[in-house]
Amino acid sequence: MTDDVVDHGRRGLFRIGASALLAVAALPRLASAQPATDKLKIGIIGAGHIGSTIGGFWVKAGHPVMFSSRHPEELKTLTDGLGPLAKGGTVEEALAFGDAILLSVPYKAVPQIAKDYAPKFAGKVVLDADNAVAARDGEDLVKETREKGIGNTTAAYFPGAHVVRAFNSMAVGFFIKESHRAGEPMAIPIGGDDPHAVAVATQLVRDAGFEAVAVPLARAQEFAQGGPLYGLQLTAKELRQRFGLAQ
């Protein structure tokens, strides 16, 4: 995997954003500093804007989280700011650590990650927050995701993993702004076929400060970047209506 694709290197790490880290730190502390026995260990592959922000929400909710990089020492600023439930490691260490995995990388990294680590994903709940963008990821890969559906494409790269599309439906600034907002929570569309994985993803969406609305994995293209439901900040009722789901 190239440095500019998977772990974003030093440049990407320091672009994580003081704003994202400060926003996460400003949330009310939802759990004690020690991991509770009912909390889920989460490994995060891709400690850029989405990975660091969503991972930060989960730490605040009491989940032990391992952020990964080819250079784990570069994650120290992030993990120190989040406290003792956050740690840094390699991609392989994050895969071993996490009962659930958040995959948050440029989509062009997915084939190489699969080549290097696919067997280690088997049996795990994998939340896929990646979007395929032609200018960055290449026309061929974007064409593949459109023909197969982006959810089914990711699932094909990681056979045996329980893939749920989540946290890919809008820019990171909206997650920062709307997490645990007053009133009705903002809805996050998720797409998956395994009932247990969908239940885990639903709880993790809730722990991050939102409400999940689930559809089959084949419908994930609808809220991928470029889809009709991408970028919409809706309530769960409004999103269910957009999906045509029963209220």
Foldseek 3Di string as FASTA:
>chain_A
DDCCWWANPLVQLVVLDPLLLVLLLPDQQQDDQAADPPAFEEEETYCGNQRLNLQSLSVSNRHQYEYADPDQVSCVVSQVSSHDSYGYYHPVVSLVGGLEYEYETEPLCLLVCLVVCLVSQAPHQYAYQYFHDCVPNNPVVNVVCVVQPVLVVSCVSRPRHFYKYWNNQEDSVCLSVQAQDPDFGWEIEMATDDVVSVVVVQVSCVSSRHGYDYDHSNCVNQRHVVHVRGHDGHGNVVVCVVVVHDD
